[in-house]
PDB file of N, CA and C in Angstrom:
ATOM      1  N   UNK A   1      -0.723  18.827  -8.735  1.00  0.00           N
ATOM      2  CA  UNK A   1      -1.514  17.824  -8.882  1.00  0.00           C
ATOM      3  C   UNK A   1      -1.418  16.461  -7.805  1.00  0.00           C
ATOM      4  N   UNK A   2      -2.259  16.612  -7.079  1.00  0.00           N
ATOM      5  CA  UNK A   2      -1.949  15.118  -6.437  1.00  0.00           C
ATOM      6  C   UNK A   2      -2.636  13.706  -6.159  1.00  0.00           C
ATOM      7  N   UNK A   3      -2.700  12.744  -6.379  1.00  0.00           N
ATOM      8  CA  UNK A   3      -3.846  11.861  -6.588  1.00  0.00           C
ATOM      9  C   UNK A   3      -3.353  10.982  -4.967  1.00  0.00           C
ATOM     10  N   UNK A   4      -4.395  10.680  -5.052  1.00  0.00           N
ATOM     11  CA  UNK A   4      -4.990   9.912  -3.397  1.00  0.00           C
ATOM     12  C   UNK A   4      -5.199   7.949  -3.801  1.00  0.00           C
ATOM     13  N   UNK A   5      -4.589   7.255  -3.839  1.00  0.00           N
ATOM     14  CA  UNK A   5      -5.770   6.054  -4.163  1.00  0.00           C
ATOM     15  C   UNK A   5      -5.692   5.020  -2.536  1.00  0.00           C
ATOM     16  N   UNK A   6      -6.885   4.617  -2.670  1.00  0.00           N
ATOM     17  CA  UNK A   6      -7.434   3.562  -1.477  1.00  0.00           C
ATOM     18  C   UNK A   6      -7.575   2.265  -1.728  1.00  0.00           C
ATOM     19  N   UNK A   7      -7.387   1.546  -0.539  1.00  0.00           N
ATOM     20  CA  UNK A   7      -7.599   0.595  -0.906  1.00  0.00           C
ATOM     21  C   UNK A   7      -7.572  -1.388   0.374  1.00  0.00           C
ATOM     22  N   UNK A   8      -8.317  -1.405   0.399  1.00  0.00           N
ATOM     23  CA  UNK A   8      -8.049  -2.139   1.344  1.00  0.00           C
ATOM     24  C   UNK A   8      -9.621  -2.878   2.631  1.00  0.00           C
ATOM     25  N   UNK A   9     -10.884  -2.047   1.506  1.00  0.00           N
ATOM     26  CA  UNK A   9     -11.899  -2.283   1.999  1.00  0.00           C
ATOM     27  C   UNK A   9     -12.927  -3.528   1.678  1.00  0.00           C
ATOM     28  N   UNK A  10     -14.113  -3.258   2.149  1.00  0.00           N
ATOM     29  CA  UNK A  10     -14.670  -4.563   1.783  1.00  0.00           C
ATOM     30  C   UNK A  10     -15.515  -4.969   2.886  1.00  0.00           C
ATOM     31  N   UNK A  11     -16.061  -5.903   2.752  1.00  0.00           N
ATOM     32  CA  UNK A  11     -17.194  -6.638   3.697  1.00  0.00           C
ATOM     33  C   UNK A  11     -16.246  -7.321   4.955  1.00  0.00           C
ATOM     34  N   UNK A  12     -16.956  -6.821   6.126  1.00  0.00           N
ATOM     35  CA  UNK A  12     -16.305  -8.248   7.207  1.00  0.00           C
ATOM     36  C   UNK A  12     -17.526  -8.367   8.480  1.00  0.00           C
ATOM     37  N   UNK A  13     -17.460  -9.589   8.726  1.00  0.00           N
ATOM     38  CA  UNK A  13     -18.325  -9.668   9.931  1.00  0.00           C
ATOM     39  C   UNK A  13     -17.772  -8.294  11.305  1.00  0.00           C
ATOM     40  N   UNK A  14     -19.139  -8.365  11.901  1.00  0.00           N
ATOM     41  CA  UNK A  14     -18.699  -8.221  13.239  1.00  0.00           C
ATOM     42  C   UNK A  14     -17.498  -8.381  14.322  1.00  0.00           C
ATOM     43  N   UNK A  15     -16.578  -7.926  15.228  1.00  0.00           N
ATOM     44  CA  UNK A  15     -16.135  -8.682  15.645  1.00  0.00           C
ATOM     45  C   UNK A  15     -14.235  -8.646  14.695  1.00  0.00           C
ATOM     46  N   UNK A  16     -14.499  -8.582  13.312  1.00  0.00           N
ATOM     47  CA  UNK A  16     -13.556  -8.329  12.643  1.00  0.00           C
ATOM     48  C   UNK A  16     -12.648  -7.687  12.350  1.00  0.00           C
ATOM     49  N   UNK A  17     -11.799  -7.539  11.903  1.00  0.00           N
ATOM     50  CA  UNK A  17     -10.739  -6.378  11.202  1.00  0.00           C
ATOM     51  C   UNK A  17     -10.266  -6.215   9.723  1.00  0.00           C
ATOM     52  N   UNK A  18     -10.031  -4.938   9.822  1.00  0.00           N
ATOM     53  CA  UNK A  18      -9.719  -4.777   8.101  1.00  0.00           C
ATOM     54  C   UNK A  18      -8.302  -3.740   8.211  1.00  0.00           C
ATOM     55  N   UNK A  19      -7.774  -3.680   6.973  1.00  0.00           N
ATOM     56  CA  UNK A  19      -6.744  -2.782   7.409  1.00  0.00           C
ATOM     57  C   UNK A  19      -7.197  -1.766   5.440  1.00  0.00           C
ATOM     58  N   UNK A  20      -6.798  -0.803   6.311  1.00  0.00           N
ATOM     59  CA  UNK A  20      -7.018   0.527   4.712  1.00  0.00           C
ATOM     60  C   UNK A  20      -5.957   1.325   4.508  1.00  0.00           C
ATOM     61  N   UNK A  21      -5.520   1.351   3.289  1.00  0.00           N
ATOM     62  CA  UNK A  21      -4.094   1.772   2.697  1.00  0.00           C
ATOM     63  C   UNK A  21      -4.861   3.368   2.108  1.00  0.00           C
ATOM     64  N   UNK A  22      -3.791   4.734   1.988  1.00  0.00           N
ATOM     65  CA  UNK A  22      -4.032   5.501   1.214  1.00  0.00           C
ATOM     66  C   UNK A  22      -2.471   6.099   0.738  1.00  0.00           C
ATOM     67  N   UNK A  23      -2.363   6.046  -0.591  1.00  0.00           N
ATOM     68  CA  UNK A  23      -0.746   5.856  -1.096  1.00  0.00           C
ATOM     69  C   UNK A  23      -1.075   7.589  -1.755  1.00  0.00           C
ATOM     70  N   UNK A  24      -0.245   8.872  -2.035  1.00  0.00           N
ATOM     71  CA  UNK A  24      -0.273   9.404  -2.167  1.00  0.00           C
ATOM     72  C   UNK A  24       0.548  10.066  -3.210  1.00  0.00           C
ATOM     73  N   UNK A  25       0.718  10.006  -4.097  1.00  0.00           N
ATOM     74  CA  UNK A  25       1.528  10.486  -5.730  1.00  0.00           C
ATOM     75  C   UNK A  25       1.356  12.377  -6.220  1.00  0.00           C
ATOM     76  N   UNK A  26       2.427  12.319  -7.306  1.00  0.00           N
ATOM     77  CA  UNK A  26       2.140  13.122  -7.878  1.00  0.00           C
ATOM     78  C   UNK A  26       3.348  14.469  -7.808  1.00  0.00           C
ATOM     79  N   UNK A  27       2.631  15.947  -7.827  1.00  0.00           N
ATOM     80  CA  UNK A  27       3.159  16.817  -7.499  1.00  0.00           C
ATOM     81  C   UNK A  27       4.346  16.726  -6.416  1.00  0.00           C
ATOM     82  N   UNK A  28       5.254  17.212  -6.308  1.00  0.00           N
ATOM     83  CA  UNK A  28       6.369  16.805  -4.892  1.00  0.00           C
ATOM     84  C   UNK A  28       5.779  18.426  -3.861  1.00  0.00           C
ATOM     85  N   UNK A  29       5.581  17.103  -2.658  1.00  0.00           N
ATOM     86  CA  UNK A  29       5.174  18.399  -1.316  1.00  0.00           C
ATOM     87  C   UNK A  29       5.945  17.799  -0.662  1.00  0.00           C
ATOM     88  N   UNK A  30       5.081  18.610   0.579  1.00  0.00           N
ATOM     89  CA  UNK A  30       5.860  17.897   1.935  1.00  0.00           C
ATOM     90  C   UNK A  30       4.142  17.727   2.613  1.00  0.00           C
ATOM     91  N   UNK A  31       4.184  16.742   3.514  1.00  0.00           N
ATOM     92  CA  UNK A  31       3.093  16.327   3.885  1.00  0.00           C
ATOM     93  C   UNK A  31       2.976  16.513   5.301  1.00  0.00           C
ATOM     94  N   UNK A  32       1.794  17.438   5.551  1.00  0.00           N
ATOM     95  CA  UNK A  32       1.732  17.780   7.022  1.00  0.00           C
ATOM     96  C   UNK A  32       0.831  17.232   7.876  1.00  0.00           C
ATOM     97  N   UNK A  33      -0.549  16.873   7.154  1.00  0.00           N
ATOM     98  CA  UNK A  33      -1.555  15.681   7.935  1.00  0.00           C
ATOM     99  C   UNK A  33      -2.151  14.689   7.302  1.00  0.00           C
ATOM    100  N   UNK A  34      -2.014  13.636   7.150  1.00  0.00           N
ATOM    101  CA  UNK A  34      -2.739  12.139   6.501  1.00  0.00           C
ATOM    102  C   UNK A  34      -3.817  11.523   7.323  1.00  0.00           C
ATOM    103  N   UNK A  35      -5.246  11.170   6.929  1.00  0.00           N
ATOM    104  CA  UNK A  35      -5.730  10.967   7.483  1.00  0.00           C
ATOM    105  C   UNK A  35      -7.205  10.398   7.307  1.00  0.00           C
ATOM    106  N   UNK A  36      -7.878   9.996   7.986  1.00  0.00           N
ATOM    107  CA  UNK A  36      -9.165   9.138   7.567  1.00  0.00           C
ATOM    108  C   UNK A  36     -10.208  10.397   7.672  1.00  0.00           C
ATOM    109  N   UNK A  37     -11.366  10.226   6.842  1.00  0.00           N
ATOM    110  CA  UNK A  37     -12.269   9.959   7.508  1.00  0.00           C
ATOM    111  C   UNK A  37     -13.517   9.261   6.752  1.00  0.00           C
ATOM    112  N   UNK A  38     -14.388   9.488   7.505  1.00  0.00           N
ATOM    113  CA  UNK A  38     -16.111   8.450   7.075  1.00  0.00           C
ATOM    114  C   UNK A  38     -17.563   9.226   7.073  1.00  0.00           C
ATOM    115  N   UNK A  39     -18.189   8.447   5.745  1.00  0.00           N
ATOM    116  CA  UNK A  39     -19.626   8.886   5.845  1.00  0.00           C
ATOM    117  C   UNK A  39     -20.148   8.211   5.541  1.00  0.00           C
ATOM    118  N   UNK A  40     -21.264   7.802   6.461  1.00  0.00           N
ATOM    119  CA  UNK A  40     -22.388   7.069   6.501  1.00  0.00           C
ATOM    120  C   UNK A  40     -23.943   7.068   5.498  1.00  0.00           C
ATOM    121  N   UNK A  41     -24.603   6.231   5.067  1.00  0.00           N
ATOM    122  CA  UNK A  41     -24.995   6.953   4.486  1.00  0.00           C
ATOM    123  C   UNK A  41     -26.351   7.723   5.565  1.00  0.00           C
ATOM    124  N   UNK A  42     -26.804   9.153   4.699  1.00  0.00           N
ATOM    125  CA  UNK A  42     -27.762   9.955   5.891  1.00  0.00           C
ATOM    126  C   UNK A  42     -26.774  10.744   6.725  1.00  0.00           C
ATOM    127  N   UNK A  43     -26.207  10.914   6.581  1.00  0.00           N
ATOM    128  CA  UNK A  43     -25.185  10.914   8.115  1.00  0.00           C
ATOM    129  C   UNK A  43     -23.631  11.760   7.533  1.00  0.00           C
ATOM    130  N   UNK A  44     -23.157  12.923   8.683  1.00  0.00           N
ATOM    131  CA  UNK A  44     -22.330  13.941   7.797  1.00  0.00           C
ATOM    132  C   UNK A  44     -20.841  13.003   7.725  1.00  0.00           C
ATOM    133  N   UNK A  45     -20.194  13.580   6.719  1.00  0.00           N
ATOM    134  CA  UNK A  45     -19.039  13.120   6.842  1.00  0.00           C
ATOM    135  C   UNK A  45     -18.146  13.213   8.435  1.00  0.00           C
ATOM    136  N   UNK A  46     -17.372  12.599   8.499  1.00  0.00           N
ATOM    137  CA  UNK A  46     -16.642  12.754  10.145  1.00  0.00           C
ATOM    138  C   UNK A  46     -14.810  12.421  10.502  1.00  0.00           C
ATOM    139  N   UNK A  47     -14.490  12.993  11.078  1.00  0.00           N
ATOM    140  CA  UNK A  47     -12.635  12.572  10.970  1.00  0.00           C
ATOM    141  C   UNK A  47     -13.246  10.874  11.618  1.00  0.00           C
ATOM    142  N   UNK A  48     -12.319  10.096  10.822  1.00  0.00           N
ATOM    143  CA  UNK A  48     -12.137   8.720  11.739  1.00  0.00           C
ATOM    144  C   UNK A  48     -10.792   8.791  12.833  1.00  0.00           C
ATOM    145  N   UNK A  49      -9.368   9.425  12.564  1.00  0.00           N
ATOM    146  CA  UNK A  49      -8.631   9.621  12.507  1.00  0.00           C
ATOM    147  C   UNK A  49      -7.505  10.313  11.572  1.00  0.00           C
ATOM    148  N   UNK A  50      -6.320  10.455  12.047  1.00  0.00           N
ATOM    149  CA  UNK A  50      -5.323  11.680  11.456  1.00  0.00           C
ATOM    150  C   UNK A  50      -4.050  11.470  12.287  1.00  0.00           C
ATOM    151  N   UNK A  51      -3.113  11.450  11.862  1.00  0.00           N
ATOM    152  CA  UNK A  51      -1.770  11.720  11.986  1.00  0.00           C
ATOM    153  C   UNK A  51      -0.673  12.536  11.507  1.00  0.00           C
ATOM    154  N   UNK A  52      -0.023  13.992  11.833  1.00  0.00           N
ATOM    155  CA  UNK A  52       0.149  15.042  11.968  1.00  0.00           C
ATOM    156  C   UNK A  52       1.195  14.397  11.644  1.00  0.00           C
ATOM    157  N   UNK A  53       2.604  15.486  10.768  1.00  0.00           N
ATOM    158  CA  UNK A  53       3.918  15.272  11.144  1.00  0.00           C
ATOM    159  C   UNK A  53       4.113  15.553  12.693  1.00  0.00           C
ATOM    160  N   UNK A  54       5.444  14.627  12.925  1.00  0.00           N
ATOM    161  CA  UNK A  54       5.896  14.869  14.180  1.00  0.00           C
ATOM    162  C   UNK A  54       5.839  14.173  15.593  1.00  0.00           C
ATOM    163  N   UNK A  55       4.712  13.199  15.067  1.00  0.00           N
ATOM    164  CA  UNK A  55       4.068  12.086  15.398  1.00  0.00           C
ATOM    165  C   UNK A  55       2.888  12.156  16.061  1.00  0.00           C
ATOM    166  N   UNK A  56       2.207  13.516  15.892  1.00  0.00           N
ATOM    167  CA  UNK A  56       0.760  12.853  16.816  1.00  0.00           C
ATOM    168  C   UNK A  56      -0.658  12.384  16.228  1.00  0.00           C
ATOM    169  N   UNK A  57      -1.320  11.276  17.037  1.00  0.00           N
ATOM    170  CA  UNK A  57      -2.858  11.456  15.837  1.00  0.00           C
ATOM    171  C   UNK A  57      -3.694  11.959  16.930  1.00  0.00           C
ATOM    172  N   UNK A  58      -4.440  11.714  15.748  1.00  0.00           N
ATOM    173  CA  UNK A  58      -6.039  12.228  16.388  1.00  0.00           C
ATOM    174  C   UNK A  58      -7.575  11.210  16.285  1.00  0.00           C
ATOM    175  N   UNK A  59      -8.013  10.673  17.244  1.00  0.00           N
ATOM    176  CA  UNK A  59      -9.127   9.950  16.971  1.00  0.00           C
ATOM    177  C   UNK A  59     -10.258  10.223  17.518  1.00  0.00           C
ATOM    178  N   UNK A  60     -11.185   9.553  16.585  1.00  0.00           N
ATOM    179  CA  UNK A  60     -12.795   9.852  17.136  1.00  0.00           C
ATOM    180  C   UNK A  60     -12.920   9.004  18.111  1.00  0.00           C
ATOM    181  N   UNK A  61     -13.886   9.443  19.528  1.00  0.00           N
ATOM    182  CA  UNK A  61     -13.959   8.614  20.655  1.00  0.00           C
ATOM    183  C   UNK A  61     -14.790   7.477  20.018  1.00  0.00           C
ATOM    184  N   UNK A  62     -15.042   7.225  19.421  1.00  0.00           N
ATOM    185  CA  UNK A  62     -15.681   6.128  18.680  1.00  0.00           C
ATOM    186  C   UNK A  62     -15.413   5.111  17.836  1.00  0.00           C
ATOM    187  N   UNK A  63     -13.733   5.606  17.746  1.00  0.00           N
ATOM    188  CA  UNK A  63     -13.281   4.367  17.296  1.00  0.00           C
ATOM    189  C   UNK A  63     -11.830   4.242  18.229  1.00  0.00           C
ATOM    190  N   UNK A  64     -11.615   4.899  19.045  1.00  0.00           N
ATOM    191  CA  UNK A  64     -10.346   4.921  20.265  1.00  0.00           C
ATOM    192  C   UNK A  64     -10.100   3.654  20.887  1.00  0.00           C
ATOM    193  N   UNK A  65      -9.349   3.600  20.937  1.00  0.00           N
ATOM    194  CA  UNK A  65      -8.750   1.582  21.208  1.00  0.00           C
ATOM    195  C   UNK A  65      -9.282   0.920  20.541  1.00  0.00           C
ATOM    196  N   UNK A  66      -9.547   1.222  18.772  1.00  0.00           N
ATOM    197  CA  UNK A  66     -10.087  -0.142  18.569  1.00  0.00           C
ATOM    198  C   UNK A  66      -9.644  -0.005  16.754  1.00  0.00           C
ATOM    199  N   UNK A  67      -9.131   1.543  16.759  1.00  0.00           N
ATOM    200  CA  UNK A  67      -8.555   1.828  15.396  1.00  0.00           C
ATOM    201  C   UNK A  67      -7.254   2.805  15.902  1.00  0.00           C
ATOM    202  N   UNK A  68      -6.450   1.957  14.764  1.00  0.00           N
ATOM    203  CA  UNK A  68      -4.729   2.286  14.736  1.00  0.00           C
ATOM    204  C   UNK A  68      -4.058   3.373  13.540  1.00  0.00           C
ATOM    205  N   UNK A  69      -3.879   4.635  13.414  1.00  0.00           N
ATOM    206  CA  UNK A  69      -4.001   5.371  12.093  1.00  0.00           C
ATOM    207  C   UNK A  69      -2.259   5.137  12.461  1.00  0.00           C
ATOM    208  N   UNK A  70      -1.494   4.825  11.118  1.00  0.00           N
ATOM    209  CA  UNK A  70       0.545   4.696  11.238  1.00  0.00           C
ATOM    210  C   UNK A  70       0.543   5.690   9.967  1.00  0.00           C
ATOM    211  N   UNK A  71       1.389   6.156   9.494  1.00  0.00           N
ATOM    212  CA  UNK A  71       2.372   6.671   8.405  1.00  0.00           C
ATOM    213  C   UNK A  71       3.590   6.125   8.398  1.00  0.00           C
ATOM    214  N   UNK A  72       3.606   5.692   6.992  1.00  0.00           N
ATOM    215  CA  UNK A  72       5.028   5.997   5.811  1.00  0.00           C
ATOM    216  C   UNK A  72       5.771   7.114   5.200  1.00  0.00           C
ATOM    217  N   UNK A  73       6.186   7.758   5.716  1.00  0.00           N
ATOM    218  CA  UNK A  73       6.368   8.826   5.011  1.00  0.00           C
ATOM    219  C   UNK A  73       7.244   8.465   3.668  1.00  0.00           C
ATOM    220  N   UNK A  74       8.276   7.404   4.176  1.00  0.00           N
ATOM    221  CA  UNK A  74       8.727   7.438   2.497  1.00  0.00           C
ATOM    222  C   UNK A  74       8.089   7.284   1.357  1.00  0.00           C
ATOM    223  N   UNK A  75       6.979   6.195   1.806  1.00  0.00           N
ATOM    224  CA  UNK A  75       6.133   5.866   0.677  1.00  0.00           C
ATOM    225  C   UNK A  75       4.705   7.309   0.202  1.00  0.00           C
ATOM    226  N   UNK A  76       5.132   8.224   1.125  1.00  0.00           N
ATOM    227  CA  UNK A  76       3.519   9.447   1.074  1.00  0.00           C
ATOM    228  C   UNK A  76       2.229   8.107   1.686  1.00  0.00           C
ATOM    229  N   UNK A  77       2.528   7.094   2.462  1.00  0.00           N
ATOM    230  CA  UNK A  77       1.346   5.971   2.866  1.00  0.00           C
ATOM    231  C   UNK A  77       0.444   6.337   4.397  1.00  0.00           C
ATOM    232  N   UNK A  78      -0.613   6.554   4.156  1.00  0.00           N
ATOM    233  CA  UNK A  78      -1.471   5.996   5.405  1.00  0.00           C
ATOM    234  C   UNK A  78      -1.865   4.544   5.394  1.00  0.00           C
ATOM    235  N   UNK A  79      -2.173   4.623   6.246  1.00  0.00           N
ATOM    236  CA  UNK A  79      -3.282   2.933   6.813  1.00  0.00           C
ATOM    237  C   UNK A  79      -3.941   3.545   8.253  1.00  0.00           C
ATOM    238  N   UNK A  80      -4.701   2.479   8.102  1.00  0.00           N
ATOM    239  CA  UNK A  80      -5.760   3.032   9.053  1.00  0.00           C
ATOM    240  C   UNK A  80      -6.481   1.257   9.765  1.00  0.00           C
ATOM    241  N   UNK A  81      -5.918   0.511  10.399  1.00  0.00           N
ATOM    242  CA  UNK A  81      -5.680  -0.732  11.543  1.00  0.00           C
ATOM    243  C   UNK A  81      -7.329  -0.931  12.103  1.00  0.00           C
ATOM    244  N   UNK A  82      -8.635  -1.416  11.121  1.00  0.00           N
ATOM    245  CA  UNK A  82      -9.590  -1.399  11.730  1.00  0.00           C
ATOM    246  C   UNK A  82      -9.701  -2.663  12.502  1.00  0.00           C
ATOM    247  N   UNK A  83     -10.110  -2.678  14.201  1.00  0.00           N
ATOM    248  CA  UNK A  83     -10.087  -4.229  14.914  1.00  0.00           C
ATOM    249  C   UNK A  83     -11.752  -3.714  14.910  1.00  0.00           C
ATOM    250  N   UNK A  84     -11.888  -5.102  16.279  1.00  0.00           N
ATOM    251  CA  UNK A  84     -13.269  -4.779  16.958  1.00  0.00           C
ATOM    252  C   UNK A  84     -14.250  -4.030  15.568  1.00  0.00           C
ATOM    253  N   UNK A  85     -14.463  -4.812  14.768  1.00  0.00           N
ATOM    254  CA  UNK A  85     -15.289  -3.751  13.382  1.00  0.00           C
ATOM    255  C   UNK A  85     -16.950  -3.746  14.169  1.00  0.00           C
ATOM    256  N   UNK A  86     -17.632  -3.215  14.332  1.00  0.00           N
ATOM    257  CA  UNK A  86     -18.681  -2.835  14.890  1.00  0.00           C
ATOM    258  C   UNK A  86     -20.183  -2.571  13.344  1.00  0.00           C
ATOM    259  N   UNK A  87     -21.378  -2.916  13.397  1.00  0.00           N
ATOM    260  CA  UNK A  87     -21.990  -2.366  12.002  1.00  0.00           C
ATOM    261  C   UNK A  87     -21.980  -1.322  11.870  1.00  0.00           C
ATOM    262  N   UNK A  88     -21.651  -0.420  13.383  1.00  0.00           N
ATOM    263  CA  UNK A  88     -22.159   0.936  13.150  1.00  0.00           C
ATOM    264  C   UNK A  88     -20.924   1.754  12.345  1.00  0.00           C
ATOM    265  N   UNK A  89     -20.093   0.590  12.204  1.00  0.00           N
ATOM    266  CA  UNK A  89     -18.207   1.559  11.348  1.00  0.00           C
ATOM    267  C   UNK A  89     -19.053   1.224   9.869  1.00  0.00           C
ATOM    268  N   UNK A  90     -20.054   0.895   9.420  1.00  0.00           N
ATOM    269  CA  UNK A  90     -20.056   0.749   7.885  1.00  0.00           C
ATOM    270  C   UNK A  90     -20.565   2.158   7.612  1.00  0.00           C
ATOM    271  N   UNK A  91     -19.467   2.546   6.701  1.00  0.00           N
ATOM    272  CA  UNK A  91     -19.630   3.710   5.658  1.00  0.00           C
ATOM    273  C   UNK A  91     -18.674   4.202   4.654  1.00  0.00           C
ATOM    274  N   UNK A  92     -18.624   4.894   3.598  1.00  0.00           N
ATOM    275  CA  UNK A  92     -17.868   5.064   2.829  1.00  0.00           C
ATOM    276  C   UNK A  92     -16.140   5.673   3.723  1.00  0.00           C
ATOM    277  N   UNK A  93     -15.299   5.256   3.171  1.00  0.00           N
ATOM    278  CA  UNK A  93     -14.098   6.035   4.011  1.00  0.00           C
ATOM    279  C   UNK A  93     -13.401   6.492   2.987  1.00  0.00           C
ATOM    280  N   UNK A  94     -12.859   8.179   3.468  1.00  0.00           N
ATOM    281  CA  UNK A  94     -12.331   8.251   2.615  1.00  0.00           C
ATOM    282  C   UNK A  94     -10.684   8.414   3.569  1.00  0.00           C
ATOM    283  N   UNK A  95     -10.092   9.355   2.092  1.00  0.00           N
ATOM    284  CA  UNK A  95      -8.390   9.359   2.904  1.00  0.00           C
ATOM    285  C   UNK A  95      -7.878  10.905   2.614  1.00  0.00           C
ATOM    286  N   UNK A  96      -7.812  11.433   3.667  1.00  0.00           N
ATOM    287  CA  UNK A  96      -7.313  13.308   3.334  1.00  0.00           C
ATOM    288  C   UNK A  96      -5.964  13.259   3.515  1.00  0.00           C
ATOM    289  N   UNK A  97      -5.156  14.265   2.604  1.00  0.00           N
ATOM    290  CA  UNK A  97      -4.238  14.236   2.979  1.00  0.00           C
ATOM    291  C   UNK A  97      -3.804  16.423   3.144  1.00  0.00           C
ATOM    292  N   UNK A  98      -2.880  17.153   3.734  1.00  0.00           N
ATOM    293  CA  UNK A  98      -2.525  18.083   3.662  1.00  0.00           C
ATOM    294  C   UNK A  98      -0.736  18.366   3.239  1.00  0.00           C
ATOM    295  N   UNK A  99      -0.967  19.237   2.527  1.00  0.00           N
ATOM    296  CA  UNK A  99       0.376  19.695   2.016  1.00  0.00           C
ATOM    297  C   UNK A  99       1.150  20.419   3.760  1.00  0.00           C
ATOM    298  N   UNK A 100       2.444  20.784   3.785  1.00  0.00           N
ATOM    299  CA  UNK A 100       2.829  21.560   4.444  1.00  0.00           C
ATOM    300  C   UNK A 100       2.839  22.922   4.539  1.00  0.00           C
ATOM    301  N   UNK A 101       2.538  23.369   3.440  1.00  0.00           N
ATOM    302  CA  UNK A 101       2.498  25.054   3.409  1.00  0.00           C
ATOM    303  C   UNK A 101       0.774  25.011   2.819  1.00  0.00           C
ATOM    304  N   UNK A 102      -0.192  24.486   3.622  1.00  0.00           N
ATOM    305  CA  UNK A 102      -1.836  24.832   3.330  1.00  0.00           C
ATOM    306  C   UNK A 102      -2.028  24.381   2.103  1.00  0.00           C
ATOM    307  N   UNK A 103      -1.463  23.333   1.412  1.00  0.00           N
ATOM    308  CA  UNK A 103      -1.547  23.025   0.204  1.00  0.00           C
ATOM    309  C   UNK A 103      -3.201  21.753   0.608  1.00  0.00           C
ATOM    310  N   UNK A 104      -4.066  22.074  -0.564  1.00  0.00           N
ATOM    311  CA  UNK A 104      -5.046  20.877  -0.041  1.00  0.00           C
ATOM    312  C   UNK A 104      -5.694  21.372   1.144  1.00  0.00           C
ATOM    313  N   UNK A 105      -7.236  20.862   1.504  1.00  0.00           N
ATOM    314  CA  UNK A 105      -7.137  19.343   1.446  1.00  0.00           C
ATOM    315  C   UNK A 105      -7.033  18.447   0.297  1.00  0.00           C
ATOM    316  N   UNK A 106      -6.278  16.996   0.198  1.00  0.00           N
ATOM    317  CA  UNK A 106      -6.790  16.727  -1.437  1.00  0.00           C
ATOM    318  C   UNK A 106      -7.864  15.672  -0.652  1.00  0.00           C
ATOM    319  N   UNK A 107      -8.721  15.047  -1.625  1.00  0.00           N
ATOM    320  CA  UNK A 107      -8.819  13.933  -0.847  1.00  0.00           C
ATOM    321  C   UNK A 107      -9.067  12.432  -2.088  1.00  0.00           C
ATOM    322  N   UNK A 108      -9.147  11.028  -1.111  1.00  0.00           N
ATOM    323  CA  UNK A 108      -9.439  10.495  -2.005  1.00  0.00           C
ATOM    324  C   UNK A 108     -10.682   9.625  -2.338  1.00  0.00           C
ATOM    325  N   UNK A 109     -11.169   9.090  -3.757  1.00  0.00           N
ATOM    326  CA  UNK A 109     -12.471   8.636  -4.501  1.00  0.00           C
ATOM    327  C   UNK A 109     -13.164   7.879  -3.567  1.00  0.00           C
ATOM    328  N   UNK A 110     -13.035   7.338  -1.966  1.00  0.00           N
ATOM    329  CA  UNK A 110     -13.875   7.192  -1.103  1.00  0.00           C
ATOM    330  C   UNK A 110     -13.618   5.243  -1.168  1.00  0.00           C
ATOM    331  N   UNK A 111     -13.390   4.788  -0.218  1.00  0.00           N
ATOM    332  CA  UNK A 111     -13.510   3.240  -0.385  1.00  0.00           C
ATOM    333  C   UNK A 111     -15.023   2.634   0.714  1.00  0.00           C
ATOM    334  N   UNK A 112     -15.408   1.667   0.198  1.00  0.00           N
ATOM    335  CA  UNK A 112     -16.485   1.141   0.577  1.00  0.00           C
ATOM    336  C   UNK A 112     -16.084   0.346   2.420  1.00  0.00           C
ATOM    337  N   UNK A 113     -16.593   0.258   3.350  1.00  0.00           N
ATOM    338  CA  UNK A 113     -16.106  -0.944   4.531  1.00  0.00           C
ATOM    339  C   UNK A 113     -17.844  -1.258   5.175  1.00  0.00           C
ATOM    340  N   UNK A 114     -18.100  -2.484   5.009  1.00  0.00           N
ATOM    341  CA  UNK A 114     -19.591  -2.675   5.305  1.00  0.00           C
ATOM    342  C   UNK A 114     -18.777  -3.782   6.290  1.00  0.00           C
ATOM    343  N   UNK A 115     -20.007  -3.533   7.711  1.00  0.00           N
ATOM    344  CA  UNK A 115     -19.646  -4.362   8.825  1.00  0.00           C
ATOM    345  C   UNK A 115     -20.995  -5.527   8.966  1.00  0.00           C
ATOM    346  N   UNK A 116     -21.247  -6.488   8.464  1.00  0.00           N
ATOM    347  CA  UNK A 116     -22.453  -7.100   8.558  1.00  0.00           C
ATOM    348  C   UNK A 116     -22.432  -8.524   8.798  1.00  0.00           C
ATOM    349  N   UNK A 117     -23.350  -9.290   9.678  1.00  0.00           N
ATOM    350  CA  UNK A 117     -23.339 -10.598   9.503  1.00  0.00           C
ATOM    351  C   UNK A 117     -23.986 -11.114   8.201  1.00  0.00           C
TER     352      UNK A 117
END
C-alpha cells in the first residue's frame, strides 16, 4: 500500500507562484517516475510534468519555462514550483508515482490550485 500526501495548493493571483509537494510513503519500493497531472473542469486529466529516475524530466508545452519539477529521493518527495501562474492553470493537481517494477501508478487525492484576481 502506497500513500501520497499532497500539499501547497491554494488561491493565487495571476503572475504569482505556488509550490506543490507530494510525499510518498507505505510499502517499500523503488520509485521510477514521480509526476504531476491536472484536471480542469470539463477537461481531461493531463500531464503537467514528471521526473524520471536518472534525472530526465518532461513538461507540458503549456508550462515549459514557468514550472519546475524536482525530486528528493531520500524523502520520496516530488515538488512542483509553479511561477508566472495564469488563470488557465486553475485545476485540481494530482501527484502520480510509478514504481520501478511497474508497480502503480499510484495517485494522490488531488489538490486545488486557483489562479484568479
